[in-house]
Amino acid sequence: MTERNLVVISAGLSQPSSTRLLADQLAAATGRALAQSPNIEVVELRDHAKEVANNLVTGFPGAELRKVLDRVAAADGLIAVTPIFQASYSGLFKSFFDVVETDSLVGKPVLIGATGGSSRHSLALEHAMRPMFSYLRAVVVPTAVYAASEDWGSAGDGAALADRVDRAAGEFAALVDHRPAPARADAFEEPVPFEQLLSQNRN
């Protein structure tokens, strides 16, 4: 069985952050649910904020951002978690997906999660995040996971959050397990014939 490669996008701004904590829980639960242990790479968007901004202005990604974009495109599945600000995803989160190449997420399983100070913001997953990924033609799992401040700590309802995490991870793992591994493009597989190159130069 081919090893699955998953990319986890965390848009938390602080360090440590509850957004990264939720992302790690979703990744760990997915690893347990998959038929074979996956290769999981976590991307902290805060580390690439300047390159994302430069890409928006220039239209070209820097070297490190280019690597991240390539990994997202080649991944078998994506876990995307953002803090909620003003009832929607963070600006950094949206800006990153604004520079992801068109068609990179087509048919790709995506598990979405979010964190916020109040449970009132949980609907941002449905009215902001899910429509964005649907527009990008990703396959978003039915269960989205929101963690409010009260879900953390000794006074929080950690069991309820754990149940949501496990349910979402199970749905995500099922999609990843049954999806054909994405084809890795090889620029040397179909080289342009030398005669065609010569004819182009003559023109």
N, C-alpha and C. Protein backbone atom coordinates (compact mmCIF):
# COMPACT_ATOMS: atom_id res chain seq x y z
N MET A 1 0.84 -1.19 0.00
CA MET A 1 0.00 0.00 0.00
C MET A 1 0.88 1.25 0.00
N THR A 2 0.54 2.23 -0.84
CA THR A 2 1.33 3.45 -0.95
C THR A 2 1.19 4.30 0.30
N GLU A 3 2.31 4.80 0.79
CA GLU A 3 2.26 5.68 1.96
C GLU A 3 1.56 6.98 1.60
N ARG A 4 0.68 7.41 2.47
CA ARG A 4 -0.06 8.64 2.25
C ARG A 4 0.69 9.83 2.82
N ASN A 5 0.66 10.94 2.09
CA ASN A 5 1.30 12.18 2.53
C ASN A 5 0.22 13.21 2.84
N LEU A 6 0.20 13.68 4.07
CA LEU A 6 -0.77 14.67 4.50
C LEU A 6 -0.05 15.97 4.86
N VAL A 7 -0.70 17.08 4.54
CA VAL A 7 -0.17 18.40 4.93
C VAL A 7 -1.17 19.04 5.87
N VAL A 8 -0.66 19.56 6.97
CA VAL A 8 -1.49 20.24 7.97
C VAL A 8 -1.16 21.72 7.93
N ILE A 9 -2.15 22.55 7.65
CA ILE A 9 -1.97 24.00 7.60
C ILE A 9 -2.53 24.60 8.89
N SER A 10 -1.66 25.24 9.66
CA SER A 10 -2.07 25.89 10.90
C SER A 10 -1.85 27.39 10.77
N ALA A 11 -2.92 28.16 10.94
CA ALA A 11 -2.84 29.61 10.77
C ALA A 11 -2.78 30.35 12.10
N GLY A 12 -2.42 29.65 13.16
CA GLY A 12 -2.29 30.31 14.47
C GLY A 12 -1.21 31.38 14.44
N LEU A 13 -1.44 32.47 15.14
CA LEU A 13 -0.49 33.58 15.14
C LEU A 13 0.42 33.59 16.35
N SER A 14 -0.03 33.03 17.45
CA SER A 14 0.80 33.01 18.66
C SER A 14 1.56 31.70 18.73
N GLN A 15 2.48 31.64 19.69
CA GLN A 15 3.25 30.41 19.87
C GLN A 15 3.52 30.21 21.36
N PRO A 16 2.91 29.17 21.95
CA PRO A 16 2.02 28.16 21.35
C PRO A 16 0.64 28.74 21.07
N SER A 17 -0.16 28.03 20.30
CA SER A 17 -1.50 28.49 19.96
C SER A 17 -2.49 27.35 20.05
N SER A 18 -3.73 27.69 20.37
CA SER A 18 -4.78 26.67 20.41
C SER A 18 -5.06 26.14 19.00
N THR A 19 -4.80 26.97 17.99
CA THR A 19 -5.00 26.54 16.61
C THR A 19 -4.04 25.40 16.27
N ARG A 20 -2.77 25.54 16.66
CA ARG A 20 -1.80 24.47 16.41
C ARG A 20 -2.16 23.23 17.25
N LEU A 21 -2.64 23.44 18.46
CA LEU A 21 -3.01 22.31 19.30
C LEU A 21 -4.14 21.51 18.66
N LEU A 22 -5.15 22.20 18.13
CA LEU A 22 -6.24 21.50 17.46
C LEU A 22 -5.73 20.81 16.20
N ALA A 23 -4.86 21.47 15.45
CA ALA A 23 -4.30 20.87 14.24
C ALA A 23 -3.55 19.58 14.58
N ASP A 24 -2.78 19.60 15.66
CA ASP A 24 -2.04 18.40 16.06
C ASP A 24 -2.98 17.28 16.48
N GLN A 25 -4.07 17.62 17.17
CA GLN A 25 -5.03 16.60 17.57
C GLN A 25 -5.71 15.97 16.37
N LEU A 26 -6.05 16.77 15.38
CA LEU A 26 -6.69 16.25 14.17
C LEU A 26 -5.72 15.37 13.39
N ALA A 27 -4.45 15.79 13.33
CA ALA A 27 -3.45 14.99 12.61
C ALA A 27 -3.21 13.66 13.31
N ALA A 28 -3.11 13.68 14.65
CA ALA A 28 -2.88 12.45 15.40
C ALA A 28 -4.06 11.48 15.25
N ALA A 29 -5.28 12.01 15.33
CA ALA A 29 -6.47 11.16 15.19
C ALA A 29 -6.56 10.57 13.78
N THR A 30 -6.16 11.35 12.78
CA THR A 30 -6.16 10.86 11.40
C THR A 30 -5.14 9.74 11.24
N GLY A 31 -3.95 9.94 11.84
CA GLY A 31 -2.93 8.90 11.78
C GLY A 31 -3.40 7.58 12.37
N ARG A 32 -4.20 7.66 13.44
CA ARG A 32 -4.72 6.44 14.05
C ARG A 32 -5.81 5.80 13.19
N ALA A 33 -6.55 6.62 12.45
CA ALA A 33 -7.69 6.12 11.69
C ALA A 33 -7.31 5.56 10.32
N LEU A 34 -6.19 6.00 9.77
CA LEU A 34 -5.77 5.53 8.45
C LEU A 34 -5.31 4.08 8.50
N ALA A 35 -5.47 3.40 7.38
CA ALA A 35 -5.07 2.00 7.30
C ALA A 35 -3.57 1.84 7.48
N GLN A 36 -2.79 2.83 7.06
CA GLN A 36 -1.33 2.81 7.20
C GLN A 36 -0.87 4.15 7.74
N SER A 37 0.12 4.14 8.62
CA SER A 37 0.61 5.39 9.19
C SER A 37 1.08 6.32 8.08
N PRO A 38 0.59 7.57 8.07
CA PRO A 38 0.94 8.49 7.00
C PRO A 38 2.19 9.30 7.32
N ASN A 39 2.71 9.95 6.29
CA ASN A 39 3.75 10.96 6.46
C ASN A 39 3.02 12.29 6.64
N ILE A 40 3.17 12.93 7.78
CA ILE A 40 2.43 14.16 8.09
C ILE A 40 3.41 15.33 8.22
N GLU A 41 3.14 16.39 7.47
CA GLU A 41 3.96 17.61 7.56
C GLU A 41 3.08 18.77 8.01
N VAL A 42 3.51 19.45 9.06
CA VAL A 42 2.76 20.60 9.59
C VAL A 42 3.41 21.89 9.08
N VAL A 43 2.58 22.78 8.55
CA VAL A 43 3.04 24.08 8.06
C VAL A 43 2.44 25.17 8.94
N GLU A 44 3.29 25.93 9.60
CA GLU A 44 2.85 27.08 10.39
C GLU A 44 2.87 28.30 9.46
N LEU A 45 1.70 28.82 9.13
CA LEU A 45 1.65 29.93 8.18
C LEU A 45 2.34 31.18 8.71
N ARG A 46 2.41 31.34 10.03
CA ARG A 46 3.08 32.52 10.58
C ARG A 46 4.53 32.57 10.14
N ASP A 47 5.14 31.42 9.87
CA ASP A 47 6.53 31.39 9.43
C ASP A 47 6.69 31.82 7.97
N HIS A 48 5.57 31.89 7.25
CA HIS A 48 5.63 32.22 5.82
C HIS A 48 4.83 33.48 5.50
N ALA A 49 4.46 34.24 6.52
CA ALA A 49 3.58 35.39 6.32
C ALA A 49 4.17 36.42 5.35
N LYS A 50 5.46 36.72 5.48
CA LYS A 50 6.07 37.72 4.60
C LYS A 50 6.09 37.23 3.15
N GLU A 51 6.41 35.95 2.96
CA GLU A 51 6.45 35.42 1.60
C GLU A 51 5.06 35.38 0.98
N VAL A 52 4.04 35.09 1.79
CA VAL A 52 2.67 35.10 1.28
C VAL A 52 2.30 36.51 0.82
N ALA A 53 2.64 37.52 1.64
CA ALA A 53 2.34 38.91 1.28
C ALA A 53 3.10 39.31 0.01
N ASN A 54 4.36 38.92 -0.08
CA ASN A 54 5.15 39.25 -1.27
C ASN A 54 4.57 38.58 -2.52
N ASN A 55 4.10 37.34 -2.35
CA ASN A 55 3.50 36.62 -3.48
C ASN A 55 2.25 37.35 -3.98
N LEU A 56 1.45 37.85 -3.06
CA LEU A 56 0.25 38.57 -3.44
C LEU A 56 0.59 39.82 -4.25
N VAL A 57 1.70 40.47 -3.90
CA VAL A 57 2.09 41.72 -4.57
C VAL A 57 2.80 41.46 -5.89
N THR A 58 3.71 40.47 -5.90
CA THR A 58 4.54 40.24 -7.07
C THR A 58 4.00 39.18 -8.02
N GLY A 59 3.18 38.28 -7.48
CA GLY A 59 2.68 37.18 -8.29
C GLY A 59 3.60 35.98 -8.32
N PHE A 60 4.71 36.03 -7.56
CA PHE A 60 5.68 34.94 -7.56
C PHE A 60 6.01 34.54 -6.13
N PRO A 61 6.00 33.23 -5.83
CA PRO A 61 6.33 32.78 -4.48
C PRO A 61 7.84 32.73 -4.27
N GLY A 62 8.27 32.98 -3.03
CA GLY A 62 9.67 32.80 -2.67
C GLY A 62 10.00 31.32 -2.60
N ALA A 63 11.28 31.02 -2.39
CA ALA A 63 11.74 29.63 -2.44
C ALA A 63 11.05 28.75 -1.41
N GLU A 64 10.96 29.22 -0.17
CA GLU A 64 10.34 28.40 0.88
C GLU A 64 8.84 28.24 0.67
N LEU A 65 8.18 29.31 0.26
CA LEU A 65 6.75 29.22 0.00
C LEU A 65 6.49 28.31 -1.19
N ARG A 66 7.38 28.34 -2.18
CA ARG A 66 7.24 27.45 -3.33
C ARG A 66 7.23 25.99 -2.90
N LYS A 67 8.10 25.64 -1.94
CA LYS A 67 8.14 24.28 -1.43
C LYS A 67 6.82 23.90 -0.76
N VAL A 68 6.26 24.83 0.02
CA VAL A 68 5.00 24.56 0.71
C VAL A 68 3.88 24.36 -0.31
N LEU A 69 3.80 25.23 -1.30
CA LEU A 69 2.76 25.11 -2.32
C LEU A 69 2.86 23.80 -3.08
N ASP A 70 4.08 23.37 -3.37
CA ASP A 70 4.27 22.09 -4.07
C ASP A 70 3.83 20.92 -3.20
N ARG A 71 4.11 20.99 -1.89
CA ARG A 71 3.70 19.91 -1.00
C ARG A 71 2.19 19.85 -0.86
N VAL A 72 1.55 21.00 -0.82
CA VAL A 72 0.09 21.03 -0.76
C VAL A 72 -0.49 20.39 -2.02
N ALA A 73 0.06 20.74 -3.17
CA ALA A 73 -0.45 20.20 -4.43
C ALA A 73 -0.26 18.68 -4.52
N ALA A 74 0.84 18.18 -3.97
CA ALA A 74 1.15 16.75 -4.07
C ALA A 74 0.55 15.92 -2.95
N ALA A 75 -0.02 16.55 -1.93
CA ALA A 75 -0.53 15.83 -0.76
C ALA A 75 -1.75 14.97 -1.12
N ASP A 76 -1.90 13.88 -0.38
CA ASP A 76 -3.08 13.03 -0.53
C ASP A 76 -4.28 13.61 0.21
N GLY A 77 -4.03 14.48 1.17
CA GLY A 77 -5.11 15.11 1.92
C GLY A 77 -4.57 16.31 2.67
N LEU A 78 -5.48 17.19 3.06
CA LEU A 78 -5.10 18.45 3.70
C LEU A 78 -5.95 18.67 4.94
N ILE A 79 -5.28 19.01 6.05
CA ILE A 79 -5.97 19.45 7.27
C ILE A 79 -5.71 20.94 7.41
N ALA A 80 -6.76 21.73 7.48
CA ALA A 80 -6.62 23.19 7.50
C ALA A 80 -7.33 23.76 8.72
N VAL A 81 -6.57 24.47 9.57
CA VAL A 81 -7.12 24.99 10.82
C VAL A 81 -6.77 26.47 10.94
N THR A 82 -7.74 27.28 11.30
CA THR A 82 -7.53 28.72 11.42
C THR A 82 -8.19 29.26 12.69
N PRO A 83 -7.63 30.33 13.26
CA PRO A 83 -8.38 31.04 14.29
C PRO A 83 -9.50 31.83 13.62
N ILE A 84 -10.55 32.10 14.36
CA ILE A 84 -11.66 32.89 13.83
C ILE A 84 -11.55 34.31 14.35
N PHE A 85 -11.51 35.25 13.41
CA PHE A 85 -11.48 36.69 13.74
C PHE A 85 -12.65 37.36 13.03
N GLN A 86 -13.40 38.17 13.76
CA GLN A 86 -14.52 38.89 13.15
C GLN A 86 -15.45 37.94 12.38
N ALA A 87 -15.73 36.80 12.99
CA ALA A 87 -16.69 35.82 12.46
C ALA A 87 -16.26 35.18 11.15
N SER A 88 -14.94 35.15 10.88
CA SER A 88 -14.46 34.48 9.67
C SER A 88 -13.03 34.02 9.88
N TYR A 89 -12.48 33.33 8.86
CA TYR A 89 -11.10 32.87 8.95
C TYR A 89 -10.14 34.06 8.99
N SER A 90 -8.92 33.80 9.41
CA SER A 90 -7.94 34.88 9.53
C SER A 90 -7.49 35.35 8.15
N GLY A 91 -6.99 36.59 8.10
CA GLY A 91 -6.49 37.13 6.85
C GLY A 91 -5.31 36.34 6.31
N LEU A 92 -4.45 35.87 7.19
CA LEU A 92 -3.29 35.09 6.76
C LEU A 92 -3.74 33.78 6.13
N PHE A 93 -4.73 33.14 6.73
CA PHE A 93 -5.27 31.88 6.20
C PHE A 93 -5.82 32.09 4.80
N LYS A 94 -6.65 33.12 4.62
CA LYS A 94 -7.24 33.39 3.31
C LYS A 94 -6.16 33.77 2.30
N SER A 95 -5.19 34.58 2.73
CA SER A 95 -4.13 35.00 1.81
C SER A 95 -3.33 33.82 1.30
N PHE A 96 -3.07 32.84 2.18
CA PHE A 96 -2.33 31.66 1.74
C PHE A 96 -3.10 30.93 0.65
N PHE A 97 -4.38 30.70 0.86
CA PHE A 97 -5.14 29.96 -0.14
C PHE A 97 -5.41 30.81 -1.39
N ASP A 98 -5.23 32.12 -1.28
CA ASP A 98 -5.30 32.96 -2.48
C ASP A 98 -4.11 32.73 -3.40
N VAL A 99 -2.97 32.28 -2.84
CA VAL A 99 -1.78 32.07 -3.68
C VAL A 99 -1.57 30.59 -4.03
N VAL A 100 -2.41 29.71 -3.50
CA VAL A 100 -2.35 28.30 -3.91
C VAL A 100 -2.80 28.22 -5.36
N GLU A 101 -2.06 27.48 -6.17
CA GLU A 101 -2.35 27.42 -7.60
C GLU A 101 -3.74 26.86 -7.88
N THR A 102 -4.36 27.41 -8.92
CA THR A 102 -5.64 26.92 -9.38
C THR A 102 -5.54 25.43 -9.69
N ASP A 103 -6.53 24.68 -9.26
CA ASP A 103 -6.64 23.24 -9.48
C ASP A 103 -5.79 22.40 -8.53
N SER A 104 -5.01 23.01 -7.63
CA SER A 104 -4.19 22.23 -6.71
C SER A 104 -5.02 21.40 -5.74
N LEU A 105 -6.23 21.86 -5.45
CA LEU A 105 -7.06 21.18 -4.45
C LEU A 105 -8.22 20.41 -5.07
N VAL A 106 -8.29 20.34 -6.38
CA VAL A 106 -9.41 19.67 -7.03
C VAL A 106 -9.46 18.20 -6.62
N GLY A 107 -10.58 17.78 -6.03
CA GLY A 107 -10.76 16.40 -5.62
C GLY A 107 -9.97 15.97 -4.40
N LYS A 108 -9.26 16.90 -3.77
CA LYS A 108 -8.42 16.54 -2.62
C LYS A 108 -9.25 16.55 -1.33
N PRO A 109 -9.18 15.48 -0.52
CA PRO A 109 -9.87 15.48 0.77
C PRO A 109 -9.32 16.56 1.70
N VAL A 110 -10.22 17.31 2.32
CA VAL A 110 -9.82 18.38 3.23
C VAL A 110 -10.64 18.29 4.51
N LEU A 111 -9.94 18.34 5.63
CA LEU A 111 -10.57 18.38 6.95
C LEU A 111 -10.38 19.78 7.50
N ILE A 112 -11.48 20.46 7.82
CA ILE A 112 -11.38 21.83 8.28
C ILE A 112 -11.64 21.93 9.79
N GLY A 113 -10.91 22.84 10.43
CA GLY A 113 -11.07 23.09 11.85
C GLY A 113 -10.83 24.55 12.15
N ALA A 114 -11.31 25.00 13.31
CA ALA A 114 -11.14 26.40 13.68
C ALA A 114 -11.16 26.53 15.20
N THR A 115 -10.59 27.61 15.67
CA THR A 115 -10.58 27.91 17.10
C THR A 115 -11.05 29.35 17.31
N GLY A 116 -11.60 29.60 18.48
CA GLY A 116 -12.06 30.95 18.79
C GLY A 116 -12.38 31.10 20.26
N GLY A 117 -12.65 32.31 20.64
CA GLY A 117 -12.90 32.59 22.04
C GLY A 117 -14.28 32.19 22.51
N SER A 118 -15.21 32.08 21.57
CA SER A 118 -16.59 31.77 21.93
C SER A 118 -17.17 30.77 20.95
N SER A 119 -18.05 29.92 21.46
CA SER A 119 -18.70 28.94 20.60
C SER A 119 -19.63 29.60 19.59
N ARG A 120 -19.97 30.88 19.80
CA ARG A 120 -20.84 31.59 18.86
C ARG A 120 -20.23 31.68 17.47
N HIS A 121 -18.89 31.57 17.40
CA HIS A 121 -18.22 31.73 16.11
C HIS A 121 -18.08 30.41 15.34
N SER A 122 -18.65 29.34 15.87
CA SER A 122 -18.47 28.04 15.24
C SER A 122 -19.09 27.99 13.83
N LEU A 123 -20.11 28.80 13.58
CA LEU A 123 -20.76 28.78 12.27
C LEU A 123 -19.85 29.31 11.17
N ALA A 124 -18.73 29.94 11.54
CA ALA A 124 -17.78 30.40 10.52
C ALA A 124 -17.24 29.25 9.69
N LEU A 125 -17.20 28.06 10.29
CA LEU A 125 -16.77 26.89 9.54
C LEU A 125 -17.69 26.62 8.36
N GLU A 126 -18.99 26.85 8.55
CA GLU A 126 -19.97 26.53 7.52
C GLU A 126 -20.22 27.68 6.56
N HIS A 127 -20.17 28.92 7.05
CA HIS A 127 -20.50 30.02 6.14
C HIS A 127 -19.26 30.67 5.52
N ALA A 128 -18.06 30.28 5.97
CA ALA A 128 -16.85 30.88 5.40
C ALA A 128 -15.88 29.82 4.89
N MET A 129 -15.44 28.92 5.76
CA MET A 129 -14.42 27.95 5.36
C MET A 129 -14.92 26.92 4.35
N ARG A 130 -16.05 26.29 4.65
CA ARG A 130 -16.53 25.24 3.75
C ARG A 130 -16.82 25.79 2.33
N PRO A 131 -17.48 26.95 2.21
CA PRO A 131 -17.70 27.48 0.85
C PRO A 131 -16.40 27.79 0.11
N MET A 132 -15.37 28.26 0.82
CA MET A 132 -14.11 28.56 0.15
C MET A 132 -13.49 27.30 -0.45
N PHE A 133 -13.45 26.22 0.34
CA PHE A 133 -12.86 24.98 -0.17
C PHE A 133 -13.75 24.33 -1.23
N SER A 134 -15.05 24.51 -1.11
CA SER A 134 -15.94 24.00 -2.15
C SER A 134 -15.70 24.73 -3.46
N TYR A 135 -15.45 26.02 -3.38
CA TYR A 135 -15.13 26.80 -4.57
C TYR A 135 -13.84 26.30 -5.22
N LEU A 136 -12.89 25.90 -4.39
CA LEU A 136 -11.62 25.36 -4.90
C LEU A 136 -11.76 23.91 -5.34
N ARG A 137 -12.97 23.36 -5.25
CA ARG A 137 -13.33 22.01 -5.70
C ARG A 137 -12.63 20.91 -4.91
N ALA A 138 -12.34 21.22 -3.64
CA ALA A 138 -11.85 20.19 -2.73
C ALA A 138 -13.03 19.38 -2.22
N VAL A 139 -12.74 18.22 -1.64
CA VAL A 139 -13.78 17.38 -1.04
C VAL A 139 -13.68 17.55 0.47
N VAL A 140 -14.57 18.33 1.04
CA VAL A 140 -14.52 18.67 2.47
C VAL A 140 -15.32 17.63 3.26
N VAL A 141 -14.72 17.10 4.32
CA VAL A 141 -15.41 16.07 5.10
C VAL A 141 -16.64 16.67 5.78
N PRO A 142 -17.67 15.85 6.01
CA PRO A 142 -18.92 16.37 6.58
C PRO A 142 -18.75 17.03 7.95
N THR A 143 -17.91 16.45 8.79
CA THR A 143 -17.75 16.99 10.15
C THR A 143 -16.60 17.98 10.20
N ALA A 144 -16.91 19.22 10.58
CA ALA A 144 -15.89 20.24 10.83
C ALA A 144 -15.73 20.37 12.34
N VAL A 145 -14.54 20.74 12.77
CA VAL A 145 -14.25 20.76 14.22
C VAL A 145 -13.94 22.17 14.67
N TYR A 146 -14.73 22.65 15.61
CA TYR A 146 -14.50 23.96 16.21
C TYR A 146 -14.18 23.78 17.69
N ALA A 147 -13.15 24.50 18.15
CA ALA A 147 -12.77 24.44 19.56
C ALA A 147 -12.79 25.85 20.13
N ALA A 148 -13.66 26.08 21.10
CA ALA A 148 -13.74 27.36 21.79
C ALA A 148 -12.87 27.31 23.04
N SER A 149 -12.72 28.46 23.67
CA SER A 149 -11.87 28.55 24.87
C SER A 149 -12.31 27.56 25.93
N GLU A 150 -13.63 27.35 26.05
CA GLU A 150 -14.13 26.46 27.11
C GLU A 150 -13.82 24.99 26.84
N ASP A 151 -13.37 24.66 25.63
CA ASP A 151 -13.03 23.27 25.33
C ASP A 151 -11.66 22.87 25.86
N TRP A 152 -10.87 23.85 26.27
CA TRP A 152 -9.51 23.57 26.72
C TRP A 152 -9.43 23.69 28.24
N GLY A 153 -8.45 23.05 28.82
CA GLY A 153 -8.21 23.19 30.24
C GLY A 153 -9.04 22.23 31.07
N SER A 154 -8.76 22.23 32.36
CA SER A 154 -9.40 21.28 33.27
C SER A 154 -10.90 21.50 33.38
N ALA A 155 -11.35 22.75 33.15
CA ALA A 155 -12.78 23.04 33.27
C ALA A 155 -13.52 22.81 31.97
N GLY A 156 -12.80 22.54 30.89
CA GLY A 156 -13.43 22.38 29.59
C GLY A 156 -13.99 20.99 29.38
N ASP A 157 -14.81 20.88 28.36
CA ASP A 157 -15.40 19.59 28.02
C ASP A 157 -14.51 18.91 26.99
N GLY A 158 -13.37 18.41 27.46
CA GLY A 158 -12.41 17.80 26.56
C GLY A 158 -12.94 16.55 25.88
N ALA A 159 -13.84 15.82 26.55
CA ALA A 159 -14.37 14.58 25.97
C ALA A 159 -15.20 14.88 24.74
N ALA A 160 -16.01 15.94 24.79
CA ALA A 160 -16.84 16.31 23.65
C ALA A 160 -15.98 16.72 22.47
N LEU A 161 -14.91 17.48 22.72
CA LEU A 161 -14.00 17.87 21.65
C LEU A 161 -13.31 16.64 21.06
N ALA A 162 -12.87 15.74 21.92
CA ALA A 162 -12.19 14.53 21.45
C ALA A 162 -13.12 13.71 20.57
N ASP A 163 -14.41 13.64 20.91
CA ASP A 163 -15.37 12.91 20.09
C ASP A 163 -15.50 13.54 18.71
N ARG A 164 -15.56 14.88 18.66
CA ARG A 164 -15.67 15.56 17.37
C ARG A 164 -14.41 15.35 16.54
N VAL A 165 -13.26 15.41 17.19
CA VAL A 165 -11.98 15.20 16.50
C VAL A 165 -11.93 13.79 15.90
N ASP A 166 -12.29 12.79 16.69
CA ASP A 166 -12.24 11.40 16.21
C ASP A 166 -13.22 11.16 15.07
N ARG A 167 -14.41 11.74 15.18
CA ARG A 167 -15.41 11.55 14.12
C ARG A 167 -14.94 12.19 12.81
N ALA A 168 -14.44 13.41 12.89
CA ALA A 168 -13.96 14.10 11.69
C ALA A 168 -12.75 13.38 11.09
N ALA A 169 -11.84 12.93 11.95
CA ALA A 169 -10.65 12.23 11.47
C ALA A 169 -11.02 10.93 10.79
N GLY A 170 -12.02 10.24 11.31
CA GLY A 170 -12.46 8.99 10.70
C GLY A 170 -13.03 9.22 9.31
N GLU A 171 -13.83 10.27 9.15
CA GLU A 171 -14.38 10.61 7.84
C GLU A 171 -13.26 10.99 6.86
N PHE A 172 -12.31 11.75 7.35
CA PHE A 172 -11.19 12.19 6.52
C PHE A 172 -10.33 11.00 6.09
N ALA A 173 -10.03 10.13 7.03
CA ALA A 173 -9.19 8.96 6.73
C ALA A 173 -9.86 8.06 5.69
N ALA A 174 -11.18 7.92 5.77
CA ALA A 174 -11.89 7.09 4.80
C ALA A 174 -11.75 7.66 3.40
N LEU A 175 -11.82 8.97 3.27
CA LEU A 175 -11.65 9.60 1.96
C LEU A 175 -10.22 9.43 1.45
N VAL A 176 -9.25 9.62 2.33
CA VAL A 176 -7.85 9.51 1.92
C VAL A 176 -7.52 8.08 1.52
N ASP A 177 -7.97 7.11 2.31
CA ASP A 177 -7.67 5.70 2.04
C ASP A 177 -8.22 5.24 0.69
N HIS A 178 -9.36 5.78 0.29
CA HIS A 178 -10.01 5.31 -0.93
C HIS A 178 -9.72 6.20 -2.14
N ARG A 179 -8.87 7.19 -1.96
CA ARG A 179 -8.53 8.06 -3.08
C ARG A 179 -7.25 7.58 -3.74
N PRO A 180 -7.23 7.48 -5.07
CA PRO A 180 -6.00 7.09 -5.75
C PRO A 180 -4.89 8.09 -5.43
N ALA A 181 -3.68 7.58 -5.25
CA ALA A 181 -2.55 8.46 -4.97
C ALA A 181 -2.37 9.44 -6.12
N PRO A 182 -2.18 10.75 -5.82
CA PRO A 182 -2.01 11.73 -6.90
C PRO A 182 -0.77 11.44 -7.71
N ALA A 183 -0.88 11.64 -9.01
CA ALA A 183 0.27 11.42 -9.89
C ALA A 183 1.31 12.49 -9.65
N ARG A 184 2.54 12.06 -9.47
CA ARG A 184 3.64 13.01 -9.29
C ARG A 184 4.19 13.38 -10.66
N ALA A 185 4.06 14.64 -11.03
CA ALA A 185 4.51 15.08 -12.35
C ALA A 185 6.01 14.94 -12.48
N ASP A 186 6.44 14.44 -13.63
CA ASP A 186 7.86 14.31 -13.93
C ASP A 186 8.12 15.02 -15.25
N ALA A 187 8.87 16.10 -15.18
CA ALA A 187 9.11 16.92 -16.36
C ALA A 187 9.85 16.17 -17.45
N PHE A 188 10.51 15.04 -17.10
CA PHE A 188 11.31 14.30 -18.08
C PHE A 188 10.55 13.10 -18.66
N GLU A 189 9.29 12.87 -18.21
CA GLU A 189 8.55 11.73 -18.71
C GLU A 189 8.16 11.91 -20.17
N GLU A 190 7.76 13.14 -20.55
CA GLU A 190 7.34 13.41 -21.92
C GLU A 190 8.10 14.62 -22.46
N PRO A 191 9.36 14.44 -22.77
CA PRO A 191 10.15 15.57 -23.27
C PRO A 191 9.68 16.01 -24.64
N VAL A 192 9.88 17.30 -24.93
CA VAL A 192 9.53 17.83 -26.25
C VAL A 192 10.54 17.31 -27.26
N PRO A 193 10.09 16.72 -28.38
CA PRO A 193 11.03 16.21 -29.38
C PRO A 193 11.97 17.30 -29.87
N PHE A 194 13.23 16.90 -30.13
CA PHE A 194 14.25 17.85 -30.55
C PHE A 194 13.85 18.55 -31.85
N GLU A 195 13.21 17.81 -32.76
CA GLU A 195 12.80 18.40 -34.03
C GLU A 195 11.78 19.51 -33.81
N GLN A 196 10.90 19.31 -32.81
CA GLN A 196 9.89 20.35 -32.52
C GLN A 196 10.54 21.59 -31.95
N LEU A 197 11.55 21.39 -31.10
CA LEU A 197 12.26 22.54 -30.56
C LEU A 197 12.94 23.33 -31.68
N LEU A 198 13.54 22.62 -32.65
CA LEU A 198 14.22 23.29 -33.75
C LEU A 198 13.23 24.08 -34.60
N SER A 199 12.06 23.47 -34.87
CA SER A 199 11.08 24.15 -35.69
C SER A 199 10.54 25.41 -35.00
N GLN A 200 10.40 25.35 -33.67
CA GLN A 200 9.96 26.52 -32.92
C GLN A 200 10.99 27.64 -33.01
N ASN A 201 12.28 27.28 -32.93
CA ASN A 201 13.33 28.28 -33.01
C ASN A 201 13.37 28.94 -34.38
N ARG A 202 13.06 28.17 -35.44
CA ARG A 202 13.08 28.74 -36.78
C ARG A 202 11.96 29.75 -36.95
N ASN A 203 10.85 29.49 -36.27
CA ASN A 203 9.72 30.44 -36.37
C ASN A 203 9.99 31.70 -35.57
